[in-house]
């Protein structure tokens, strides 16, 4: 209330309304003493909120104003708002804003022609696995069976996201290289053996998109994976399993019991897309 009062006459009514709305979105902390709050309290409120990224950015802005006021009058000794992490919410917002655009076959072929570029290799892996970017960046070596060519997603977005994934032969060399490179516990890491944060990855990704005059978010690689599987006429039950989606109907619930060999066969067919005569080869495979 004191922060609000201090802004009356100094900012627009719309800003004041925004502060009031943001405070309402802090309801889980309304019964707490402000000076007793720690970073964990604030981060939990952010992580568990069902509000979108732009709304939560405004919440953080309000918290910053409150900490500025509190520090001015020696009510707190530290501003925890500056340490809040909105990266997961930002990623979710980007994914929702993405209108399911995907790379065309020719664009996939173009990226493949530049596969010697180490960063482009990561984009190809995303296209050939359909991983969410966060699943890829947080994949640990301990969850990769490099000998049997599969890996586990152990902390998925939903219960269906927790899954065992095959590594297609065509991208296996990249997994093998990253697996044996350095001491970092994460599969994909930088030259200093450190995991790569989403914002850091996004900057490099955008540079590649600009180089090739493309306009796709990292999440478009996931849509591309699903689209390519559909183009190859891979059964929807198999696609659901690979994507980490819930089954669409009762007749497809068997997807949770599919043998890994079926999944390996599906992802290895993606290689056909690199050939402009892929449709003929697809039909030959389907006709036995």
C-alpha atoms as a PDB file:
ATOM      1  CA  UNK A   1       0.000   0.000   0.000  1.00  0.00           C
ATOM      2  CA  UNK A   2       2.862   2.382   0.789  1.00  0.00           C
ATOM      3  CA  UNK A   3       4.583   1.628  -2.513  1.00  0.00           C
ATOM      4  CA  UNK A   4       1.311   2.175  -4.335  1.00  0.00           C
ATOM      5  CA  UNK A   5       0.726   5.482  -2.514  1.00  0.00           C
ATOM      6  CA  UNK A   6       4.250   6.640  -3.360  1.00  0.00           C
ATOM      7  CA  UNK A   7       3.512   6.166  -7.071  1.00  0.00           C
ATOM      8  CA  UNK A   8       0.170   8.001  -7.136  1.00  0.00           C
ATOM      9  CA  UNK A   9       0.628  11.179  -9.154  1.00  0.00           C
ATOM     10  CA  UNK A  10       3.985  10.012 -10.494  1.00  0.00           C
ATOM     11  CA  UNK A  11       2.835   7.294 -12.875  1.00  0.00           C
ATOM     12  CA  UNK A  12      -0.214   6.719 -15.049  1.00  0.00           C
ATOM     13  CA  UNK A  13      -3.403   5.133 -13.783  1.00  0.00           C
ATOM     14  CA  UNK A  14      -2.748   2.140 -16.046  1.00  0.00           C
ATOM     15  CA  UNK A  15       0.570   1.606 -14.254  1.00  0.00           C
ATOM     16  CA  UNK A  16      -1.155   1.823 -10.887  1.00  0.00           C
ATOM     17  CA  UNK A  17      -3.747  -0.693 -12.063  1.00  0.00           C
ATOM     18  CA  UNK A  18      -0.919  -2.938 -13.227  1.00  0.00           C
ATOM     19  CA  UNK A  19       0.693  -2.779  -9.765  1.00  0.00           C
ATOM     20  CA  UNK A  20      -2.610  -3.682  -8.115  1.00  0.00           C
ATOM     21  CA  UNK A  21      -3.163  -6.603 -10.476  1.00  0.00           C
ATOM     22  CA  UNK A  22       0.401  -7.839  -9.977  1.00  0.00           C
ATOM     23  CA  UNK A  23      -0.031  -7.711  -6.213  1.00  0.00           C
ATOM     24  CA  UNK A  24      -3.200  -9.769  -6.540  1.00  0.00           C
ATOM     25  CA  UNK A  25      -1.122 -12.374  -8.372  1.00  0.00           C
ATOM     26  CA  UNK A  26       1.144 -12.580  -5.308  1.00  0.00           C
ATOM     27  CA  UNK A  27      -1.718 -13.991  -3.256  1.00  0.00           C
ATOM     28  CA  UNK A  28       0.231 -17.075  -2.015  1.00  0.00           C
ATOM     29  CA  UNK A  29       2.454 -14.656  -0.064  1.00  0.00           C
ATOM     30  CA  UNK A  30      -0.193 -12.238   1.204  1.00  0.00           C
ATOM     31  CA  UNK A  31      -0.094 -13.647   4.728  1.00  0.00           C
ATOM     32  CA  UNK A  32       3.703 -13.441   4.968  1.00  0.00           C
ATOM     33  CA  UNK A  33       5.827 -10.676   6.480  1.00  0.00           C
ATOM     34  CA  UNK A  34       7.729  -9.074   3.612  1.00  0.00           C
ATOM     35  CA  UNK A  35      11.033  -8.887   5.497  1.00  0.00           C
ATOM     36  CA  UNK A  36      10.863 -12.616   6.246  1.00  0.00           C
ATOM     37  CA  UNK A  37      10.612 -13.645   2.614  1.00  0.00           C
ATOM     38  CA  UNK A  38      13.560 -15.420   1.010  1.00  0.00           C
ATOM     39  CA  UNK A  39      14.405 -16.136  -2.610  1.00  0.00           C
ATOM     40  CA  UNK A  40      12.936 -19.641  -2.323  1.00  0.00           C
ATOM     41  CA  UNK A  41       9.554 -18.209  -1.295  1.00  0.00           C
ATOM     42  CA  UNK A  42       9.428 -15.881  -4.266  1.00  0.00           C
ATOM     43  CA  UNK A  43      10.706 -18.439  -6.770  1.00  0.00           C
ATOM     44  CA  UNK A  44       8.163 -21.028  -5.595  1.00  0.00           C
ATOM     45  CA  UNK A  45       5.360 -18.514  -6.120  1.00  0.00           C
ATOM     46  CA  UNK A  46       6.629 -17.831  -9.669  1.00  0.00           C
ATOM     47  CA  UNK A  47       7.145 -21.497 -10.558  1.00  0.00           C
ATOM     48  CA  UNK A  48       3.754 -22.607  -9.274  1.00  0.00           C
ATOM     49  CA  UNK A  49       1.816 -19.729 -10.814  1.00  0.00           C
ATOM     50  CA  UNK A  50      -0.538 -20.483 -13.699  1.00  0.00           C
ATOM     51  CA  UNK A  51       0.030 -16.979 -15.100  1.00  0.00           C
ATOM     52  CA  UNK A  52       1.934 -16.424 -18.323  1.00  0.00           C
ATOM     53  CA  UNK A  53       5.393 -14.952 -18.771  1.00  0.00           C
ATOM     54  CA  UNK A  54       4.367 -11.318 -19.503  1.00  0.00           C
ATOM     55  CA  UNK A  55       2.137 -11.273 -16.410  1.00  0.00           C
ATOM     56  CA  UNK A  56       4.888 -12.687 -14.210  1.00  0.00           C
ATOM     57  CA  UNK A  57       7.375 -10.147 -15.562  1.00  0.00           C
ATOM     58  CA  UNK A  58       5.063  -7.462 -14.180  1.00  0.00           C
ATOM     59  CA  UNK A  59       4.946  -9.287 -10.846  1.00  0.00           C
ATOM     60  CA  UNK A  60       8.743  -9.181 -10.706  1.00  0.00           C
ATOM     61  CA  UNK A  61       8.659  -5.475 -11.582  1.00  0.00           C
ATOM     62  CA  UNK A  62       6.318  -4.857  -8.633  1.00  0.00           C
ATOM     63  CA  UNK A  63       8.525  -6.899  -6.306  1.00  0.00           C
ATOM     64  CA  UNK A  64      11.500  -4.819  -7.402  1.00  0.00           C
ATOM     65  CA  UNK A  65       9.613  -1.619  -6.515  1.00  0.00           C
ATOM     66  CA  UNK A  66       8.698  -3.092  -3.134  1.00  0.00           C
ATOM     67  CA  UNK A  67      12.295  -4.052  -2.410  1.00  0.00           C
ATOM     68  CA  UNK A  68      13.508  -0.604  -3.464  1.00  0.00           C
ATOM     69  CA  UNK A  69      11.075   0.957  -1.009  1.00  0.00           C
ATOM     70  CA  UNK A  70      11.895  -1.515   1.769  1.00  0.00           C
ATOM     71  CA  UNK A  71      15.649  -1.030   1.390  1.00  0.00           C
ATOM     72  CA  UNK A  72      15.245   2.750   1.355  1.00  0.00           C
ATOM     73  CA  UNK A  73      13.734   2.542   4.852  1.00  0.00           C
ATOM     74  CA  UNK A  74      16.029  -0.259   6.096  1.00  0.00           C
ATOM     75  CA  UNK A  75      13.233  -2.806   6.286  1.00  0.00           C
ATOM     76  CA  UNK A  76      15.259  -5.434   4.393  1.00  0.00           C
ATOM     77  CA  UNK A  77      18.925  -5.889   3.659  1.00  0.00           C
ATOM     78  CA  UNK A  78      18.743  -7.689   0.321  1.00  0.00           C
ATOM     79  CA  UNK A  79      16.734  -7.455  -2.874  1.00  0.00           C
ATOM     80  CA  UNK A  80      15.763 -11.027  -3.766  1.00  0.00           C
ATOM     81  CA  UNK A  81      13.735  -9.956  -6.791  1.00  0.00           C
ATOM     82  CA  UNK A  82      16.880  -9.557  -8.896  1.00  0.00           C
ATOM     83  CA  UNK A  83      17.645 -13.265  -8.526  1.00  0.00           C
ATOM     84  CA  UNK A  84      14.270 -14.559  -9.714  1.00  0.00           C
ATOM     85  CA  UNK A  85      14.480 -16.943 -12.653  1.00  0.00           C
ATOM     86  CA  UNK A  86      11.728 -16.656 -15.269  1.00  0.00           C
ATOM     87  CA  UNK A  87      13.515 -18.698 -17.946  1.00  0.00           C
ATOM     88  CA  UNK A  88      11.133 -21.678 -17.755  1.00  0.00           C
ATOM     89  CA  UNK A  89       8.084 -19.419 -17.952  1.00  0.00           C
ATOM     90  CA  UNK A  90       9.672 -17.561 -20.849  1.00  0.00           C
ATOM     91  CA  UNK A  91      10.306 -20.812 -22.686  1.00  0.00           C
ATOM     92  CA  UNK A  92       6.699 -21.937 -22.163  1.00  0.00           C
ATOM     93  CA  UNK A  93       5.507 -18.575 -23.479  1.00  0.00           C
ATOM     94  CA  UNK A  94       7.657 -18.897 -26.605  1.00  0.00           C
ATOM     95  CA  UNK A  95       6.335 -22.400 -27.223  1.00  0.00           C
ATOM     96  CA  UNK A  96       2.710 -21.296 -26.893  1.00  0.00           C
ATOM     97  CA  UNK A  97       3.323 -18.294 -29.139  1.00  0.00           C
ATOM     98  CA  UNK A  98       4.807 -20.586 -31.739  1.00  0.00           C
ATOM     99  CA  UNK A  99       2.036 -21.347 -34.229  1.00  0.00           C
ATOM    100  CA  UNK A 100       3.345 -24.851 -34.915  1.00  0.00           C
ATOM    101  CA  UNK A 101       5.535 -23.714 -37.797  1.00  0.00           C
ATOM    102  CA  UNK A 102       8.084 -26.286 -38.848  1.00  0.00           C
ATOM    103  CA  UNK A 103      11.097 -26.543 -41.126  1.00  0.00           C
ATOM    104  CA  UNK A 104      10.375 -27.633 -44.671  1.00  0.00           C
ATOM    105  CA  UNK A 105      12.078 -30.661 -46.168  1.00  0.00           C
ATOM    106  CA  UNK A 106      14.368 -28.417 -48.197  1.00  0.00           C
ATOM    107  CA  UNK A 107      15.295 -26.448 -45.085  1.00  0.00           C
ATOM    108  CA  UNK A 108      16.122 -29.650 -43.214  1.00  0.00           C
ATOM    109  CA  UNK A 109      18.314 -30.682 -46.141  1.00  0.00           C
ATOM    110  CA  UNK A 110      20.015 -27.289 -46.080  1.00  0.00           C
ATOM    111  CA  UNK A 111      20.808 -27.616 -42.387  1.00  0.00           C
ATOM    112  CA  UNK A 112      22.051 -31.148 -42.976  1.00  0.00           C
ATOM    113  CA  UNK A 113      24.419 -29.880 -45.688  1.00  0.00           C
ATOM    114  CA  UNK A 114      26.018 -27.692 -42.982  1.00  0.00           C
ATOM    115  CA  UNK A 115      26.305 -30.530 -40.447  1.00  0.00           C
ATOM    116  CA  UNK A 116      30.032 -29.926 -39.906  1.00  0.00           C
ATOM    117  CA  UNK A 117      29.059 -26.854 -37.889  1.00  0.00           C
ATOM    118  CA  UNK A 118      28.986 -27.939 -34.240  1.00  0.00           C
ATOM    119  CA  UNK A 119      26.031 -25.769 -33.295  1.00  0.00           C
ATOM    120  CA  UNK A 120      23.969 -26.865 -36.289  1.00  0.00           C
ATOM    121  CA  UNK A 121      24.555 -30.430 -35.095  1.00  0.00           C
ATOM    122  CA  UNK A 122      22.505 -29.569 -32.000  1.00  0.00           C
ATOM    123  CA  UNK A 123      19.645 -28.297 -34.187  1.00  0.00           C
ATOM    124  CA  UNK A 124      19.745 -31.522 -36.207  1.00  0.00           C
ATOM    125  CA  UNK A 125      19.583 -33.531 -32.993  1.00  0.00           C
ATOM    126  CA  UNK A 126      16.502 -31.548 -31.936  1.00  0.00           C
ATOM    127  CA  UNK A 127      14.878 -32.233 -35.298  1.00  0.00           C
ATOM    128  CA  UNK A 128      15.709 -35.955 -35.156  1.00  0.00           C
ATOM    129  CA  UNK A 129      14.516 -36.422 -31.558  1.00  0.00           C
ATOM    130  CA  UNK A 130      11.632 -33.965 -31.125  1.00  0.00           C
ATOM    131  CA  UNK A 131      12.973 -33.010 -27.715  1.00  0.00           C
ATOM    132  CA  UNK A 132      11.766 -29.876 -26.043  1.00  0.00           C
ATOM    133  CA  UNK A 133      14.702 -27.506 -25.791  1.00  0.00           C
ATOM    134  CA  UNK A 134      14.747 -27.779 -21.986  1.00  0.00           C
ATOM    135  CA  UNK A 135      14.742 -31.594 -22.217  1.00  0.00           C
ATOM    136  CA  UNK A 136      17.758 -31.386 -24.501  1.00  0.00           C
ATOM    137  CA  UNK A 137      19.748 -28.879 -22.457  1.00  0.00           C
ATOM    138  CA  UNK A 138      19.153 -30.759 -19.183  1.00  0.00           C
ATOM    139  CA  UNK A 139      19.804 -34.268 -20.533  1.00  0.00           C
ATOM    140  CA  UNK A 140      22.480 -35.876 -18.360  1.00  0.00           C
ATOM    141  CA  UNK A 141      25.043 -38.418 -19.517  1.00  0.00           C
ATOM    142  CA  UNK A 142      23.868 -40.807 -16.817  1.00  0.00           C
ATOM    143  CA  UNK A 143      20.521 -41.002 -18.615  1.00  0.00           C
ATOM    144  CA  UNK A 144      22.121 -41.912 -21.944  1.00  0.00           C
ATOM    145  CA  UNK A 145      22.891 -45.523 -22.865  1.00  0.00           C
ATOM    146  CA  UNK A 146      25.471 -44.798 -25.533  1.00  0.00           C
ATOM    147  CA  UNK A 147      26.138 -48.488 -26.278  1.00  0.00           C
ATOM    148  CA  UNK A 148      22.493 -49.397 -26.897  1.00  0.00           C
ATOM    149  CA  UNK A 149      21.708 -46.044 -28.548  1.00  0.00           C
ATOM    150  CA  UNK A 150      18.874 -44.762 -26.375  1.00  0.00           C
ATOM    151  CA  UNK A 151      18.305 -42.244 -23.611  1.00  0.00           C
ATOM    152  CA  UNK A 152      15.751 -41.512 -20.918  1.00  0.00           C
ATOM    153  CA  UNK A 153      13.826 -38.295 -20.364  1.00  0.00           C
ATOM    154  CA  UNK A 154      13.378 -38.452 -16.604  1.00  0.00           C
ATOM    155  CA  UNK A 155      11.936 -35.021 -15.836  1.00  0.00           C
ATOM    156  CA  UNK A 156       9.346 -34.317 -18.496  1.00  0.00           C
ATOM    157  CA  UNK A 157       6.799 -31.533 -18.754  1.00  0.00           C
ATOM    158  CA  UNK A 158       4.015 -34.075 -18.084  1.00  0.00           C
ATOM    159  CA  UNK A 159       3.882 -37.687 -16.907  1.00  0.00           C
ATOM    160  CA  UNK A 160       3.686 -38.773 -20.548  1.00  0.00           C
ATOM    161  CA  UNK A 161       6.863 -36.795 -21.270  1.00  0.00           C
ATOM    162  CA  UNK A 162       8.905 -39.192 -19.139  1.00  0.00           C
ATOM    163  CA  UNK A 163       9.997 -41.656 -21.782  1.00  0.00           C
ATOM    164  CA  UNK A 164      12.723 -43.794 -23.324  1.00  0.00           C
ATOM    165  CA  UNK A 165      13.941 -42.443 -26.656  1.00  0.00           C
ATOM    166  CA  UNK A 166      15.936 -44.106 -29.461  1.00  0.00           C
ATOM    167  CA  UNK A 167      18.932 -42.374 -31.028  1.00  0.00           C
ATOM    168  CA  UNK A 168      18.702 -42.455 -34.814  1.00  0.00           C
ATOM    169  CA  UNK A 169      21.794 -43.795 -36.545  1.00  0.00           C
ATOM    170  CA  UNK A 170      22.291 -40.562 -38.471  1.00  0.00           C
ATOM    171  CA  UNK A 171      22.681 -38.413 -35.327  1.00  0.00           C
ATOM    172  CA  UNK A 172      24.377 -41.039 -33.176  1.00  0.00           C
ATOM    173  CA  UNK A 173      27.877 -39.640 -33.889  1.00  0.00           C
ATOM    174  CA  UNK A 174      26.889 -36.360 -32.219  1.00  0.00           C
ATOM    175  CA  UNK A 175      25.620 -38.134 -29.100  1.00  0.00           C
ATOM    176  CA  UNK A 176      28.789 -40.216 -28.989  1.00  0.00           C
ATOM    177  CA  UNK A 177      31.023 -37.176 -29.364  1.00  0.00           C
ATOM    178  CA  UNK A 178      29.246 -35.178 -26.647  1.00  0.00           C
ATOM    179  CA  UNK A 179      29.061 -38.204 -24.358  1.00  0.00           C
ATOM    180  CA  UNK A 180      32.831 -38.768 -24.384  1.00  0.00           C
ATOM    181  CA  UNK A 181      33.786 -35.093 -24.442  1.00  0.00           C
ATOM    182  CA  UNK A 182      34.850 -33.603 -21.123  1.00  0.00           C
ATOM    183  CA  UNK A 183      33.696 -34.216 -17.565  1.00  0.00           C
ATOM    184  CA  UNK A 184      30.421 -32.263 -17.567  1.00  0.00           C
ATOM    185  CA  UNK A 185      27.475 -34.294 -16.282  1.00  0.00           C
ATOM    186  CA  UNK A 186      25.264 -32.864 -19.027  1.00  0.00           C
ATOM    187  CA  UNK A 187      25.407 -34.356 -22.506  1.00  0.00           C
ATOM    188  CA  UNK A 188      25.385 -31.027 -24.349  1.00  0.00           C
ATOM    189  CA  UNK A 189      27.803 -28.535 -22.830  1.00  0.00           C
ATOM    190  CA  UNK A 190      30.255 -25.806 -23.747  1.00  0.00           C
ATOM    191  CA  UNK A 191      34.030 -25.924 -24.173  1.00  0.00           C
ATOM    192  CA  UNK A 192      34.457 -25.104 -20.476  1.00  0.00           C
ATOM    193  CA  UNK A 193      32.531 -28.246 -19.447  1.00  0.00           C
ATOM    194  CA  UNK A 194      29.561 -26.190 -18.297  1.00  0.00           C
ATOM    195  CA  UNK A 195      25.879 -26.760 -19.072  1.00  0.00           C
ATOM    196  CA  UNK A 196      24.338 -24.346 -21.557  1.00  0.00           C
ATOM    197  CA  UNK A 197      21.511 -22.090 -20.418  1.00  0.00           C
ATOM    198  CA  UNK A 198      18.423 -21.539 -22.535  1.00  0.00           C
ATOM    199  CA  UNK A 199      19.102 -17.843 -23.196  1.00  0.00           C
ATOM    200  CA  UNK A 200      22.672 -18.611 -24.270  1.00  0.00           C
ATOM    201  CA  UNK A 201      21.465 -21.330 -26.620  1.00  0.00           C
ATOM    202  CA  UNK A 202      18.747 -19.074 -28.000  1.00  0.00           C
ATOM    203  CA  UNK A 203      21.245 -16.357 -28.957  1.00  0.00           C
ATOM    204  CA  UNK A 204      23.321 -18.797 -31.000  1.00  0.00           C
ATOM    205  CA  UNK A 205      20.184 -20.332 -32.486  1.00  0.00           C
ATOM    206  CA  UNK A 206      18.916 -16.940 -33.675  1.00  0.00           C
ATOM    207  CA  UNK A 207      22.245 -16.265 -35.395  1.00  0.00           C
ATOM    208  CA  UNK A 208      21.873 -19.489 -37.375  1.00  0.00           C
ATOM    209  CA  UNK A 209      18.323 -18.577 -38.332  1.00  0.00           C
ATOM    210  CA  UNK A 210      19.500 -15.174 -39.543  1.00  0.00           C
ATOM    211  CA  UNK A 211      22.327 -16.764 -41.540  1.00  0.00           C
ATOM    212  CA  UNK A 212      19.881 -18.990 -43.425  1.00  0.00           C
ATOM    213  CA  UNK A 213      17.078 -16.392 -43.601  1.00  0.00           C
ATOM    214  CA  UNK A 214      14.798 -18.640 -41.555  1.00  0.00           C
ATOM    215  CA  UNK A 215      12.302 -17.589 -38.927  1.00  0.00           C
ATOM    216  CA  UNK A 216      11.737 -20.424 -36.481  1.00  0.00           C
ATOM    217  CA  UNK A 217      11.904 -20.769 -32.721  1.00  0.00           C
ATOM    218  CA  UNK A 218      13.779 -23.754 -31.231  1.00  0.00           C
ATOM    219  CA  UNK A 219      10.392 -25.338 -30.520  1.00  0.00           C
ATOM    220  CA  UNK A 220       9.809 -25.522 -34.289  1.00  0.00           C
ATOM    221  CA  UNK A 221      12.295 -28.403 -34.336  1.00  0.00           C
ATOM    222  CA  UNK A 222       9.839 -30.416 -32.252  1.00  0.00           C
ATOM    223  CA  UNK A 223       7.000 -29.637 -34.656  1.00  0.00           C
ATOM    224  CA  UNK A 224       9.315 -30.617 -37.515  1.00  0.00           C
ATOM    225  CA  UNK A 225      10.032 -33.995 -35.937  1.00  0.00           C
ATOM    226  CA  UNK A 226       6.321 -34.738 -35.628  1.00  0.00           C
ATOM    227  CA  UNK A 227       5.588 -33.425 -39.122  1.00  0.00           C
ATOM    228  CA  UNK A 228       8.328 -35.519 -40.725  1.00  0.00           C
ATOM    229  CA  UNK A 229       7.092 -38.646 -38.959  1.00  0.00           C
ATOM    230  CA  UNK A 230       3.599 -37.923 -40.274  1.00  0.00           C
ATOM    231  CA  UNK A 231       4.959 -37.365 -43.799  1.00  0.00           C
ATOM    232  CA  UNK A 232       6.598 -40.767 -43.593  1.00  0.00           C
ATOM    233  CA  UNK A 233       3.226 -42.185 -42.526  1.00  0.00           C
ATOM    234  CA  UNK A 234       4.534 -43.395 -39.186  1.00  0.00           C
ATOM    235  CA  UNK A 235       1.587 -44.614 -37.114  1.00  0.00           C
ATOM    236  CA  UNK A 236       0.133 -41.937 -34.853  1.00  0.00           C
ATOM    237  CA  UNK A 237       0.534 -44.245 -31.845  1.00  0.00           C
ATOM    238  CA  UNK A 238       4.280 -44.423 -32.507  1.00  0.00           C
ATOM    239  CA  UNK A 239       4.470 -40.662 -32.991  1.00  0.00           C
ATOM    240  CA  UNK A 240       2.672 -40.131 -29.686  1.00  0.00           C
ATOM    241  CA  UNK A 241       5.188 -42.332 -27.906  1.00  0.00           C
ATOM    242  CA  UNK A 242       8.149 -40.515 -29.445  1.00  0.00           C
ATOM    243  CA  UNK A 243       6.672 -37.083 -28.762  1.00  0.00           C
ATOM    244  CA  UNK A 244       5.780 -37.889 -25.172  1.00  0.00           C
ATOM    245  CA  UNK A 245       2.096 -37.208 -25.803  1.00  0.00           C
ATOM    246  CA  UNK A 246      -0.925 -38.863 -24.229  1.00  0.00           C
ATOM    247  CA  UNK A 247      -2.704 -41.265 -26.548  1.00  0.00           C
ATOM    248  CA  UNK A 248      -5.500 -39.708 -28.551  1.00  0.00           C
ATOM    249  CA  UNK A 249      -7.957 -42.593 -28.103  1.00  0.00           C
ATOM    250  CA  UNK A 250      -8.396 -45.944 -26.422  1.00  0.00           C
ATOM    251  CA  UNK A 251      -7.297 -47.966 -29.458  1.00  0.00           C
ATOM    252  CA  UNK A 252      -3.905 -46.284 -29.321  1.00  0.00           C
ATOM    253  CA  UNK A 253      -3.109 -46.912 -25.668  1.00  0.00           C
ATOM    254  CA  UNK A 254      -0.827 -49.736 -26.780  1.00  0.00           C
ATOM    255  CA  UNK A 255       1.781 -47.122 -27.688  1.00  0.00           C
ATOM    256  CA  UNK A 256       3.149 -47.313 -24.169  1.00  0.00           C
ATOM    257  CA  UNK A 257       4.072 -50.953 -24.782  1.00  0.00           C
ATOM    258  CA  UNK A 258       5.708 -50.566 -28.183  1.00  0.00           C
ATOM    259  CA  UNK A 259       8.928 -52.442 -28.554  1.00  0.00           C
ATOM    260  CA  UNK A 260      11.980 -50.182 -28.862  1.00  0.00           C
ATOM    261  CA  UNK A 261      12.751 -51.744 -32.236  1.00  0.00           C
ATOM    262  CA  UNK A 262       9.593 -50.111 -33.608  1.00  0.00           C
ATOM    263  CA  UNK A 263      10.749 -46.729 -32.332  1.00  0.00           C
ATOM    264  CA  UNK A 264      14.249 -47.224 -33.762  1.00  0.00           C
ATOM    265  CA  UNK A 265      12.755 -48.096 -37.131  1.00  0.00           C
ATOM    266  CA  UNK A 266      10.614 -44.956 -37.057  1.00  0.00           C
ATOM    267  CA  UNK A 267      13.391 -42.486 -36.263  1.00  0.00           C
ATOM    268  CA  UNK A 268      15.776 -44.129 -38.721  1.00  0.00           C
ATOM    269  CA  UNK A 269      13.247 -43.584 -41.497  1.00  0.00           C
ATOM    270  CA  UNK A 270      13.649 -39.836 -41.034  1.00  0.00           C
ATOM    271  CA  UNK A 271      16.866 -40.129 -42.997  1.00  0.00           C
ATOM    272  CA  UNK A 272      14.728 -40.668 -46.108  1.00  0.00           C
ATOM    273  CA  UNK A 273      13.754 -36.988 -46.004  1.00  0.00           C
ATOM    274  CA  UNK A 274      17.295 -36.059 -47.024  1.00  0.00           C
ATOM    275  CA  UNK A 275      16.627 -37.680 -50.406  1.00  0.00           C
ATOM    276  CA  UNK A 276      14.380 -35.783 -52.812  1.00  0.00           C
ATOM    277  CA  UNK A 277      12.909 -39.129 -53.878  1.00  0.00           C
ATOM    278  CA  UNK A 278      11.877 -39.824 -50.287  1.00  0.00           C
ATOM    279  CA  UNK A 279       8.256 -40.568 -51.176  1.00  0.00           C
ATOM    280  CA  UNK A 280       9.202 -43.468 -53.440  1.00  0.00           C
ATOM    281  CA  UNK A 281      11.459 -44.904 -50.759  1.00  0.00           C
ATOM    282  CA  UNK A 282       8.776 -44.420 -48.124  1.00  0.00           C
ATOM    283  CA  UNK A 283       6.235 -46.284 -50.223  1.00  0.00           C
ATOM    284  CA  UNK A 284       8.713 -49.079 -50.889  1.00  0.00           C
ATOM    285  CA  UNK A 285       9.241 -49.539 -47.148  1.00  0.00           C
ATOM    286  CA  UNK A 286       5.515 -49.508 -46.409  1.00  0.00           C
ATOM    287  CA  UNK A 287       4.854 -52.043 -49.184  1.00  0.00           C
ATOM    288  CA  UNK A 288       7.428 -54.386 -47.755  1.00  0.00           C
END
